[in-house]
Amino acid sequence: MARLRMRARIIVCGAISQYNNTTPIAGPKNYLSLLVNRARMEGIVVFDWADRYPEAITAIAGWMREGRYVSREDIVPGIEQFPDTLLKLFRGENFGKLIIEVV
């Protein structure tokens, strides 16, 4: 926070690992930097942009074809692993797209 640019925008998303947290969630300690730098912190949810899904799909598919975007995947083999794999989301233990491979 101490290195924010003037009028910076901070996006907060992807907090599923905190949904079932039983302890207080730590927030920014130096939040007054938002004021000093006239910055803005805003949460977003994917549904806020539902009307632009087709545009995003087209753009991302093109980037993947060109090799400009490579998706990270965390693949877990076997449907029997589903319960433990789902919990990885809530514990923040996965990276990228979490996928169950049905073999």
PDB file of N, CA and C in Angstrom:
ATOM      1  N   MET A   1       0.821  -1.191   0.000  1.00  0.00           N
ATOM      2  CA  MET A   1       0.000   0.000   0.000  1.00  0.00           C
ATOM      3  C   MET A   1       0.866   1.257   0.000  1.00  0.00           C
ATOM      4  N   ALA A   2       2.020   1.179   0.609  1.00  0.00           N
ATOM      5  CA  ALA A   2       2.887   2.355   0.694  1.00  0.00           C
ATOM      6  C   ALA A   2       3.433   2.763  -0.673  1.00  0.00           C
ATOM      7  N   ARG A   3       3.354   1.879  -1.664  1.00  0.00           N
ATOM      8  CA  ARG A   3       3.910   2.172  -2.986  1.00  0.00           C
ATOM      9  C   ARG A   3       2.834   2.457  -4.036  1.00  0.00           C
ATOM     10  N   LEU A   4       1.647   2.752  -3.602  1.00  0.00           N
ATOM     11  CA  LEU A   4       0.568   3.027  -4.551  1.00  0.00           C
ATOM     12  C   LEU A   4       0.861   4.275  -5.368  1.00  0.00           C
ATOM     13  N   ARG A   5       0.488   4.196  -6.627  1.00  0.00           N
ATOM     14  CA  ARG A   5       0.548   5.360  -7.492  1.00  0.00           C
ATOM     15  C   ARG A   5      -0.643   6.261  -7.217  1.00  0.00           C
ATOM     16  N   MET A   6      -0.505   7.520  -7.552  1.00  0.00           N
ATOM     17  CA  MET A   6      -1.621   8.447  -7.427  1.00  0.00           C
ATOM     18  C   MET A   6      -2.785   7.922  -8.269  1.00  0.00           C
ATOM     19  N   ARG A   7      -3.970   7.884  -7.707  1.00  0.00           N
ATOM     20  CA  ARG A   7      -5.216   7.425  -8.335  1.00  0.00           C
ATOM     21  C   ARG A   7      -5.181   5.947  -8.750  1.00  0.00           C
ATOM     22  N   ALA A   8      -4.411   5.140  -8.028  1.00  0.00           N
ATOM     23  CA  ALA A   8      -4.333   3.700  -8.302  1.00  0.00           C
ATOM     24  C   ALA A   8      -5.706   3.056  -8.113  1.00  0.00           C
ATOM     25  N   ARG A   9      -5.908   1.959  -8.807  1.00  0.00           N
ATOM     26  CA  ARG A   9      -7.114   1.159  -8.632  1.00  0.00           C
ATOM     27  C   ARG A   9      -6.690  -0.230  -8.192  1.00  0.00           C
ATOM     28  N   ILE A  10      -7.240  -0.698  -7.096  1.00  0.00           N
ATOM     29  CA  ILE A  10      -6.926  -2.015  -6.553  1.00  0.00           C
ATOM     30  C   ILE A  10      -8.180  -2.866  -6.682  1.00  0.00           C
ATOM     31  N   ILE A  11      -8.050  -4.007  -7.323  1.00  0.00           N
ATOM     32  CA  ILE A  11      -9.190  -4.897  -7.523  1.00  0.00           C
ATOM     33  C   ILE A  11      -9.077  -6.054  -6.536  1.00  0.00           C
ATOM     34  N   VAL A  12     -10.162  -6.351  -5.851  1.00  0.00           N
ATOM     35  CA  VAL A  12     -10.207  -7.448  -4.902  1.00  0.00           C
ATOM     36  C   VAL A  12     -11.144  -8.515  -5.471  1.00  0.00           C
ATOM     37  N   CYS A  13     -10.618  -9.719  -5.670  1.00  0.00           N
ATOM     38  CA  CYS A  13     -11.448 -10.823  -6.158  1.00  0.00           C
ATOM     39  C   CYS A  13     -10.802 -12.139  -5.749  1.00  0.00           C
ATOM     40  N   GLY A  14     -11.512 -13.238  -5.950  1.00  0.00           N
ATOM     41  CA  GLY A  14     -10.950 -14.563  -5.706  1.00  0.00           C
ATOM     42  C   GLY A  14     -10.717 -14.884  -4.245  1.00  0.00           C
ATOM     43  N   ALA A  15     -11.685 -14.610  -3.395  1.00  0.00           N
ATOM     44  CA  ALA A  15     -11.509 -14.814  -1.963  1.00  0.00           C
ATOM     45  C   ALA A  15     -12.160 -16.092  -1.449  1.00  0.00           C
ATOM     46  N   ILE A  16     -12.369 -17.074  -2.309  1.00  0.00           N
ATOM     47  CA  ILE A  16     -13.064 -18.290  -1.880  1.00  0.00           C
ATOM     48  C   ILE A  16     -12.344 -18.975  -0.725  1.00  0.00           C
ATOM     49  N   SER A  17     -11.020 -18.841  -0.657  1.00  0.00           N
ATOM     50  CA  SER A  17     -10.282 -19.486   0.426  1.00  0.00           C
ATOM     51  C   SER A  17     -10.620 -18.871   1.784  1.00  0.00           C
ATOM     52  N   GLN A  18     -11.288 -17.731   1.794  1.00  0.00           N
ATOM     53  CA  GLN A  18     -11.643 -17.061   3.046  1.00  0.00           C
ATOM     54  C   GLN A  18     -13.099 -17.277   3.457  1.00  0.00           C
ATOM     55  N   TYR A  19     -13.903 -17.915   2.610  1.00  0.00           N
ATOM     56  CA  TYR A  19     -15.335 -18.045   2.869  1.00  0.00           C
ATOM     57  C   TYR A  19     -15.648 -18.715   4.206  1.00  0.00           C
ATOM     58  N   ASN A  20     -14.916 -19.757   4.552  1.00  0.00           N
ATOM     59  CA  ASN A  20     -15.200 -20.499   5.782  1.00  0.00           C
ATOM     60  C   ASN A  20     -14.177 -20.209   6.872  1.00  0.00           C
ATOM     61  N   ASN A  21     -13.493 -19.105   6.778  1.00  0.00           N
ATOM     62  CA  ASN A  21     -12.470 -18.735   7.742  1.00  0.00           C
ATOM     63  C   ASN A  21     -13.109 -18.546   9.121  1.00  0.00           C
ATOM     64  N   THR A  22     -12.517 -19.131  10.136  1.00  0.00           N
ATOM     65  CA  THR A  22     -13.062 -19.014  11.496  1.00  0.00           C
ATOM     66  C   THR A  22     -12.316 -17.963  12.317  1.00  0.00           C
ATOM     67  N   THR A  23     -11.297 -17.373  11.747  1.00  0.00           N
ATOM     68  CA  THR A  23     -10.555 -16.310  12.430  1.00  0.00           C
ATOM     69  C   THR A  23     -10.737 -15.019  11.636  1.00  0.00           C
ATOM     70  N   PRO A  24     -10.531 -13.882  12.264  1.00  0.00           N
ATOM     71  CA  PRO A  24     -10.680 -12.618  11.545  1.00  0.00           C
ATOM     72  C   PRO A  24      -9.749 -12.537  10.331  1.00  0.00           C
ATOM     73  N   ILE A  25     -10.256 -12.026   9.249  1.00  0.00           N
ATOM     74  CA  ILE A  25      -9.471 -11.863   8.029  1.00  0.00           C
ATOM     75  C   ILE A  25      -8.644 -10.594   8.174  1.00  0.00           C
ATOM     76  N   ALA A  26      -7.349 -10.717   7.940  1.00  0.00           N
ATOM     77  CA  ALA A  26      -6.467  -9.544   8.043  1.00  0.00           C
ATOM     78  C   ALA A  26      -6.658  -8.649   6.827  1.00  0.00           C
ATOM     79  N   GLY A  27      -6.799  -7.387   7.060  1.00  0.00           N
ATOM     80  CA  GLY A  27      -6.950  -6.420   5.978  1.00  0.00           C
ATOM     81  C   GLY A  27      -5.692  -5.586   5.824  1.00  0.00           C
ATOM     82  N   PRO A  28      -5.716  -4.655   4.901  1.00  0.00           N
ATOM     83  CA  PRO A  28      -4.542  -3.800   4.696  1.00  0.00           C
ATOM     84  C   PRO A  28      -4.236  -2.983   5.950  1.00  0.00           C
ATOM     85  N   LYS A  29      -2.995  -3.019   6.376  1.00  0.00           N
ATOM     86  CA  LYS A  29      -2.604  -2.289   7.577  1.00  0.00           C
ATOM     87  C   LYS A  29      -2.386  -0.801   7.282  1.00  0.00           C
ATOM     88  N   ASN A  30      -1.930  -0.495   6.099  1.00  0.00           N
ATOM     89  CA  ASN A  30      -1.624   0.882   5.752  1.00  0.00           C
ATOM     90  C   ASN A  30      -2.716   1.453   4.838  1.00  0.00           C
ATOM     91  N   TYR A  31      -3.973   1.265   5.229  1.00  0.00           N
ATOM     92  CA  TYR A  31      -5.083   1.647   4.356  1.00  0.00           C
ATOM     93  C   TYR A  31      -5.171   3.147   4.120  1.00  0.00           C
ATOM     94  N   LEU A  32      -4.536   3.964   4.950  1.00  0.00           N
ATOM     95  CA  LEU A  32      -4.586   5.406   4.730  1.00  0.00           C
ATOM     96  C   LEU A  32      -3.856   5.810   3.451  1.00  0.00           C
ATOM     97  N   SER A  33      -3.044   4.914   2.897  1.00  0.00           N
ATOM     98  CA  SER A  33      -2.425   5.179   1.596  1.00  0.00           C
ATOM     99  C   SER A  33      -3.486   5.364   0.523  1.00  0.00           C
ATOM    100  N   LEU A  34      -4.640   4.730   0.704  1.00  0.00           N
ATOM    101  CA  LEU A  34      -5.748   4.924  -0.237  1.00  0.00           C
ATOM    102  C   LEU A  34      -6.158   6.393  -0.259  1.00  0.00           C
ATOM    103  N   LEU A  35      -6.246   6.976   0.899  1.00  0.00           N
ATOM    104  CA  LEU A  35      -6.639   8.382   1.006  1.00  0.00           C
ATOM    105  C   LEU A  35      -5.562   9.298   0.431  1.00  0.00           C
ATOM    106  N   VAL A  36      -4.353   9.147   0.895  1.00  0.00           N
ATOM    107  CA  VAL A  36      -3.253  10.023   0.485  1.00  0.00           C
ATOM    108  C   VAL A  36      -3.043   9.989  -1.028  1.00  0.00           C
ATOM    109  N   ASN A  37      -3.167   8.798  -1.612  1.00  0.00           N
ATOM    110  CA  ASN A  37      -2.935   8.637  -3.053  1.00  0.00           C
ATOM    111  C   ASN A  37      -4.213   8.703  -3.879  1.00  0.00           C
ATOM    112  N   ARG A  38      -5.313   9.069  -3.240  1.00  0.00           N
ATOM    113  CA  ARG A  38      -6.612   9.158  -3.930  1.00  0.00           C
ATOM    114  C   ARG A  38      -6.901   7.866  -4.692  1.00  0.00           C
ATOM    115  N   ALA A  39      -6.513   6.747  -4.091  1.00  0.00           N
ATOM    116  CA  ALA A  39      -6.675   5.441  -4.730  1.00  0.00           C
ATOM    117  C   ALA A  39      -8.055   4.875  -4.429  1.00  0.00           C
ATOM    118  N   ARG A  40      -8.400   3.836  -5.158  1.00  0.00           N
ATOM    119  CA  ARG A  40      -9.707   3.205  -5.000  1.00  0.00           C
ATOM    120  C   ARG A  40      -9.524   1.698  -4.897  1.00  0.00           C
ATOM    121  N   MET A  41     -10.178   1.077  -3.928  1.00  0.00           N
ATOM    122  CA  MET A  41     -10.178  -0.373  -3.778  1.00  0.00           C
ATOM    123  C   MET A  41     -11.605  -0.841  -4.004  1.00  0.00           C
ATOM    124  N   GLU A  42     -11.771  -1.792  -4.907  1.00  0.00           N
ATOM    125  CA  GLU A  42     -13.121  -2.217  -5.285  1.00  0.00           C
ATOM    126  C   GLU A  42     -13.156  -3.719  -5.485  1.00  0.00           C
ATOM    127  N   GLY A  43     -14.200  -4.329  -4.971  1.00  0.00           N
ATOM    128  CA  GLY A  43     -14.406  -5.751  -5.186  1.00  0.00           C
ATOM    129  C   GLY A  43     -15.151  -5.987  -6.485  1.00  0.00           C
ATOM    130  N   ILE A  44     -14.824  -7.079  -7.159  1.00  0.00           N
ATOM    131  CA  ILE A  44     -15.568  -7.462  -8.359  1.00  0.00           C
ATOM    132  C   ILE A  44     -15.961  -8.933  -8.259  1.00  0.00           C
ATOM    133  N   VAL A  45     -17.056  -9.252  -8.895  1.00  0.00           N
ATOM    134  CA  VAL A  45     -17.553 -10.620  -8.977  1.00  0.00           C
ATOM    135  C   VAL A  45     -17.797 -10.896 -10.452  1.00  0.00           C
ATOM    136  N   VAL A  46     -17.463 -12.081 -10.892  1.00  0.00           N
ATOM    137  CA  VAL A  46     -17.549 -12.420 -12.319  1.00  0.00           C
ATOM    138  C   VAL A  46     -18.937 -12.126 -12.898  1.00  0.00           C
ATOM    139  N   PHE A  47     -19.972 -12.257 -12.093  1.00  0.00           N
ATOM    140  CA  PHE A  47     -21.334 -12.017 -12.587  1.00  0.00           C
ATOM    141  C   PHE A  47     -21.580 -10.552 -12.942  1.00  0.00           C
ATOM    142  N   ASP A  48     -20.747  -9.650 -12.435  1.00  0.00           N
ATOM    143  CA  ASP A  48     -20.879  -8.233 -12.785  1.00  0.00           C
ATOM    144  C   ASP A  48     -20.663  -8.006 -14.278  1.00  0.00           C
ATOM    145  N   TRP A  49     -19.990  -8.944 -14.921  1.00  0.00           N
ATOM    146  CA  TRP A  49     -19.616  -8.791 -16.328  1.00  0.00           C
ATOM    147  C   TRP A  49     -20.281  -9.843 -17.219  1.00  0.00           C
ATOM    148  N   ALA A  50     -21.367 -10.427 -16.776  1.00  0.00           N
ATOM    149  CA  ALA A  50     -22.027 -11.508 -17.519  1.00  0.00           C
ATOM    150  C   ALA A  50     -22.382 -11.109 -18.949  1.00  0.00           C
ATOM    151  N   ASP A  51     -22.743  -9.859 -19.170  1.00  0.00           N
ATOM    152  CA  ASP A  51     -23.124  -9.425 -20.515  1.00  0.00           C
ATOM    153  C   ASP A  51     -21.925  -9.416 -21.472  1.00  0.00           C
ATOM    154  N   ARG A  52     -20.702  -9.507 -20.945  1.00  0.00           N
ATOM    155  CA  ARG A  52     -19.506  -9.475 -21.797  1.00  0.00           C
ATOM    156  C   ARG A  52     -18.822 -10.835 -21.907  1.00  0.00           C
ATOM    157  N   TYR A  53     -19.458 -11.912 -21.391  1.00  0.00           N
ATOM    158  CA  TYR A  53     -18.870 -13.246 -21.473  1.00  0.00           C
ATOM    159  C   TYR A  53     -18.502 -13.634 -22.905  1.00  0.00           C
ATOM    160  N   PRO A  54     -19.403 -13.450 -23.887  1.00  0.00           N
ATOM    161  CA  PRO A  54     -19.040 -13.849 -25.258  1.00  0.00           C
ATOM    162  C   PRO A  54     -17.786 -13.127 -25.761  1.00  0.00           C
ATOM    163  N   GLU A  55     -17.667 -11.858 -25.460  1.00  0.00           N
ATOM    164  CA  GLU A  55     -16.494 -11.078 -25.864  1.00  0.00           C
ATOM    165  C   GLU A  55     -15.229 -11.637 -25.202  1.00  0.00           C
ATOM    166  N   ALA A  56     -15.329 -11.976 -23.933  1.00  0.00           N
ATOM    167  CA  ALA A  56     -14.178 -12.512 -23.206  1.00  0.00           C
ATOM    168  C   ALA A  56     -13.763 -13.873 -23.758  1.00  0.00           C
ATOM    169  N   ILE A  57     -14.734 -14.726 -24.038  1.00  0.00           N
ATOM    170  CA  ILE A  57     -14.439 -16.059 -24.572  1.00  0.00           C
ATOM    171  C   ILE A  57     -13.692 -15.941 -25.891  1.00  0.00           C
ATOM    172  N   THR A  58     -14.145 -15.069 -26.768  1.00  0.00           N
ATOM    173  CA  THR A  58     -13.496 -14.870 -28.062  1.00  0.00           C
ATOM    174  C   THR A  58     -12.068 -14.363 -27.882  1.00  0.00           C
ATOM    175  N   ALA A  59     -11.884 -13.372 -27.036  1.00  0.00           N
ATOM    176  CA  ALA A  59     -10.553 -12.787 -26.821  1.00  0.00           C
ATOM    177  C   ALA A  59      -9.598 -13.803 -26.203  1.00  0.00           C
ATOM    178  N   ILE A  60     -10.030 -14.488 -25.161  1.00  0.00           N
ATOM    179  CA  ILE A  60      -9.153 -15.433 -24.461  1.00  0.00           C
ATOM    180  C   ILE A  60      -8.809 -16.618 -25.353  1.00  0.00           C
ATOM    181  N   ALA A  61      -9.788 -17.114 -26.117  1.00  0.00           N
ATOM    182  CA  ALA A  61      -9.509 -18.228 -27.035  1.00  0.00           C
ATOM    183  C   ALA A  61      -8.454 -17.816 -28.054  1.00  0.00           C
ATOM    184  N   GLY A  62      -8.529 -16.595 -28.558  1.00  0.00           N
ATOM    185  CA  GLY A  62      -7.524 -16.100 -29.499  1.00  0.00           C
ATOM    186  C   GLY A  62      -6.145 -16.020 -28.864  1.00  0.00           C
ATOM    187  N   TRP A  63      -6.072 -15.506 -27.644  1.00  0.00           N
ATOM    188  CA  TRP A  63      -4.788 -15.404 -26.943  1.00  0.00           C
ATOM    189  C   TRP A  63      -4.188 -16.785 -26.700  1.00  0.00           C
ATOM    190  N   MET A  64      -5.052 -17.770 -26.395  1.00  0.00           N
ATOM    191  CA  MET A  64      -4.553 -19.129 -26.159  1.00  0.00           C
ATOM    192  C   MET A  64      -4.021 -19.733 -27.453  1.00  0.00           C
ATOM    193  N   ARG A  65      -4.725 -19.525 -28.561  1.00  0.00           N
ATOM    194  CA  ARG A  65      -4.255 -20.031 -29.861  1.00  0.00           C
ATOM    195  C   ARG A  65      -2.902 -19.434 -30.223  1.00  0.00           C
ATOM    196  N   GLU A  66      -2.722 -18.150 -29.909  1.00  0.00           N
ATOM    197  CA  GLU A  66      -1.479 -17.445 -30.239  1.00  0.00           C
ATOM    198  C   GLU A  66      -0.364 -17.731 -29.248  1.00  0.00           C
ATOM    199  N   GLY A  67      -0.676 -18.428 -28.154  1.00  0.00           N
ATOM    200  CA  GLY A  67       0.322 -18.708 -27.132  1.00  0.00           C
ATOM    201  C   GLY A  67       0.598 -17.526 -26.215  1.00  0.00           C
ATOM    202  N   ARG A  68      -0.229 -16.482 -26.307  1.00  0.00           N
ATOM    203  CA  ARG A  68      -0.044 -15.294 -25.454  1.00  0.00           C
ATOM    204  C   ARG A  68      -0.632 -15.495 -24.066  1.00  0.00           C
ATOM    205  N   TYR A  69      -1.494 -16.496 -23.919  1.00  0.00           N
ATOM    206  CA  TYR A  69      -2.101 -16.798 -22.624  1.00  0.00           C
ATOM    207  C   TYR A  69      -2.045 -18.301 -22.430  1.00  0.00           C
ATOM    208  N   VAL A  70      -1.441 -18.714 -21.331  1.00  0.00           N
ATOM    209  CA  VAL A  70      -1.361 -20.135 -21.000  1.00  0.00           C
ATOM    210  C   VAL A  70      -2.079 -20.336 -19.675  1.00  0.00           C
ATOM    211  N   SER A  71      -3.091 -21.166 -19.699  1.00  0.00           N
ATOM    212  CA  SER A  71      -3.885 -21.425 -18.506  1.00  0.00           C
ATOM    213  C   SER A  71      -3.143 -22.366 -17.565  1.00  0.00           C
ATOM    214  N   ARG A  72      -3.102 -22.013 -16.293  1.00  0.00           N
ATOM    215  CA  ARG A  72      -2.524 -22.903 -15.291  1.00  0.00           C
ATOM    216  C   ARG A  72      -3.630 -23.808 -14.781  1.00  0.00           C
ATOM    217  N   GLU A  73      -3.329 -25.081 -14.698  1.00  0.00           N
ATOM    218  CA  GLU A  73      -4.333 -26.041 -14.255  1.00  0.00           C
ATOM    219  C   GLU A  73      -3.794 -26.910 -13.136  1.00  0.00           C
ATOM    220  N   ASP A  74      -4.635 -27.162 -12.157  1.00  0.00           N
ATOM    221  CA  ASP A  74      -4.332 -28.074 -11.055  1.00  0.00           C
ATOM    222  C   ASP A  74      -5.255 -29.264 -11.265  1.00  0.00           C
ATOM    223  N   ILE A  75      -4.715 -30.351 -11.820  1.00  0.00           N
ATOM    224  CA  ILE A  75      -5.532 -31.504 -12.206  1.00  0.00           C
ATOM    225  C   ILE A  75      -5.389 -32.606 -11.163  1.00  0.00           C
ATOM    226  N   VAL A  76      -6.523 -33.058 -10.635  1.00  0.00           N
ATOM    227  CA  VAL A  76      -6.552 -34.136  -9.644  1.00  0.00           C
ATOM    228  C   VAL A  76      -7.249 -35.324 -10.292  1.00  0.00           C
ATOM    229  N   PRO A  77      -6.573 -36.477 -10.408  1.00  0.00           N
ATOM    230  CA  PRO A  77      -7.185 -37.637 -11.052  1.00  0.00           C
ATOM    231  C   PRO A  77      -8.170 -38.370 -10.135  1.00  0.00           C
ATOM    232  N   GLY A  78      -9.321 -38.753 -10.706  1.00  0.00           N
ATOM    233  CA  GLY A  78     -10.267 -39.607 -10.006  1.00  0.00           C
ATOM    234  C   GLY A  78     -11.416 -38.889  -9.330  1.00  0.00           C
ATOM    235  N   ILE A  79     -12.625 -39.233  -9.735  1.00  0.00           N
ATOM    236  CA  ILE A  79     -13.833 -38.632  -9.180  1.00  0.00           C
ATOM    237  C   ILE A  79     -13.955 -38.880  -7.682  1.00  0.00           C
ATOM    238  N   GLU A  80     -13.349 -39.980  -7.212  1.00  0.00           N
ATOM    239  CA  GLU A  80     -13.415 -40.300  -5.784  1.00  0.00           C
ATOM    240  C   GLU A  80     -12.663 -39.262  -4.933  1.00  0.00           C
ATOM    241  N   GLN A  81     -11.858 -38.439  -5.585  1.00  0.00           N
ATOM    242  CA  GLN A  81     -11.116 -37.386  -4.885  1.00  0.00           C
ATOM    243  C   GLN A  81     -11.926 -36.094  -4.756  1.00  0.00           C
ATOM    244  N   PHE A  82     -13.158 -36.102  -5.270  1.00  0.00           N
ATOM    245  CA  PHE A  82     -13.942 -34.872  -5.307  1.00  0.00           C
ATOM    246  C   PHE A  82     -14.077 -34.147  -3.962  1.00  0.00           C
ATOM    247  N   PRO A  83     -14.485 -34.830  -2.877  1.00  0.00           N
ATOM    248  CA  PRO A  83     -14.676 -34.092  -1.621  1.00  0.00           C
ATOM    249  C   PRO A  83     -13.405 -33.361  -1.156  1.00  0.00           C
ATOM    250  N   ASP A  84     -12.284 -34.046  -1.160  1.00  0.00           N
ATOM    251  CA  ASP A  84     -11.035 -33.404  -0.726  1.00  0.00           C
ATOM    252  C   ASP A  84     -10.587 -32.330  -1.703  1.00  0.00           C
ATOM    253  N   THR A  85     -10.826 -32.554  -2.980  1.00  0.00           N
ATOM    254  CA  THR A  85     -10.423 -31.581  -3.989  1.00  0.00           C
ATOM    255  C   THR A  85     -11.234 -30.305  -3.863  1.00  0.00           C
ATOM    256  N   LEU A  86     -12.527 -30.419  -3.629  1.00  0.00           N
ATOM    257  CA  LEU A  86     -13.364 -29.242  -3.446  1.00  0.00           C
ATOM    258  C   LEU A  86     -12.870 -28.409  -2.269  1.00  0.00           C
ATOM    259  N   LEU A  87     -12.468 -29.069  -1.216  1.00  0.00           N
ATOM    260  CA  LEU A  87     -11.991 -28.350  -0.034  1.00  0.00           C
ATOM    261  C   LEU A  87     -10.695 -27.584  -0.307  1.00  0.00           C
ATOM    262  N   LYS A  88      -9.935 -28.011  -1.323  1.00  0.00           N
ATOM    263  CA  LYS A  88      -8.718 -27.270  -1.680  1.00  0.00           C
ATOM    264  C   LYS A  88      -9.052 -25.819  -2.021  1.00  0.00           C
ATOM    265  N   LEU A  89     -10.203 -25.606  -2.645  1.00  0.00           N
ATOM    266  CA  LEU A  89     -10.621 -24.246  -2.994  1.00  0.00           C
ATOM    267  C   LEU A  89     -10.768 -23.384  -1.752  1.00  0.00           C
ATOM    268  N   PHE A  90     -11.388 -23.948  -0.724  1.00  0.00           N
ATOM    269  CA  PHE A  90     -11.659 -23.188   0.486  1.00  0.00           C
ATOM    270  C   PHE A  90     -10.419 -23.003   1.363  1.00  0.00           C
ATOM    271  N   ARG A  91      -9.416 -23.856   1.134  1.00  0.00           N
ATOM    272  CA  ARG A  91      -8.171 -23.728   1.906  1.00  0.00           C
ATOM    273  C   ARG A  91      -7.099 -22.964   1.130  1.00  0.00           C
ATOM    274  N   GLY A  92      -7.405 -22.590  -0.111  1.00  0.00           N
ATOM    275  CA  GLY A  92      -6.437 -21.855  -0.916  1.00  0.00           C
ATOM    276  C   GLY A  92      -5.244 -22.701  -1.329  1.00  0.00           C
ATOM    277  N   GLU A  93      -5.447 -23.995  -1.518  1.00  0.00           N
ATOM    278  CA  GLU A  93      -4.345 -24.917  -1.811  1.00  0.00           C
ATOM    279  C   GLU A  93      -4.127 -25.182  -3.298  1.00  0.00           C
ATOM    280  N   ASN A  94      -4.958 -24.653  -4.144  1.00  0.00           N
ATOM    281  CA  ASN A  94      -4.795 -24.903  -5.574  1.00  0.00           C
ATOM    282  C   ASN A  94      -4.189 -23.686  -6.259  1.00  0.00           C
ATOM    283  N   PHE A  95      -3.716 -23.907  -7.485  1.00  0.00           N
ATOM    284  CA  PHE A  95      -3.298 -22.784  -8.329  1.00  0.00           C
ATOM    285  C   PHE A  95      -4.031 -22.939  -9.648  1.00  0.00           C
ATOM    286  N   GLY A  96      -4.385 -21.845 -10.275  1.00  0.00           N
ATOM    287  CA  GLY A  96      -5.060 -21.899 -11.571  1.00  0.00           C
ATOM    288  C   GLY A  96      -6.428 -22.557 -11.474  1.00  0.00           C
ATOM    289  N   LYS A  97      -6.817 -23.165 -12.568  1.00  0.00           N
ATOM    290  CA  LYS A  97      -8.127 -23.827 -12.662  1.00  0.00           C
ATOM    291  C   LYS A  97      -8.024 -25.204 -12.005  1.00  0.00           C
ATOM    292  N   LEU A  98      -8.881 -25.487 -11.040  1.00  0.00           N
ATOM    293  CA  LEU A  98      -8.897 -26.779 -10.361  1.00  0.00           C
ATOM    294  C   LEU A  98      -9.826 -27.717 -11.118  1.00  0.00           C
ATOM    295  N   ILE A  99      -9.272 -28.849 -11.549  1.00  0.00           N
ATOM    296  CA  ILE A  99     -10.006 -29.785 -12.412  1.00  0.00           C
ATOM    297  C   ILE A  99      -9.943 -31.192 -11.829  1.00  0.00           C
ATOM    298  N   ILE A 100     -11.089 -31.885 -11.809  1.00  0.00           N
ATOM    299  CA  ILE A 100     -11.122 -33.314 -11.468  1.00  0.00           C
ATOM    300  C   ILE A 100     -11.081 -34.080 -12.786  1.00  0.00           C
ATOM    301  N   GLU A 101     -10.094 -34.913 -12.935  1.00  0.00           N
ATOM    302  CA  GLU A 101      -9.986 -35.748 -14.142  1.00  0.00           C
ATOM    303  C   GLU A 101     -10.688 -37.065 -13.883  1.00  0.00           C
ATOM    304  N   VAL A 102     -11.727 -37.321 -14.657  1.00  0.00           N
ATOM    305  CA  VAL A 102     -12.477 -38.550 -14.527  1.00  0.00           C
ATOM    306  C   VAL A 102     -11.835 -39.590 -15.422  1.00  0.00           C
ATOM    307  N   VAL A 103     -11.251 -40.617 -14.797  1.00  0.00           N
ATOM    308  CA  VAL A 103     -10.516 -41.648 -15.568  1.00  0.00           C
ATOM    309  C   VAL A 103     -11.273 -42.943 -15.593  1.00  0.00           C
TER     310      VAL A 103
END
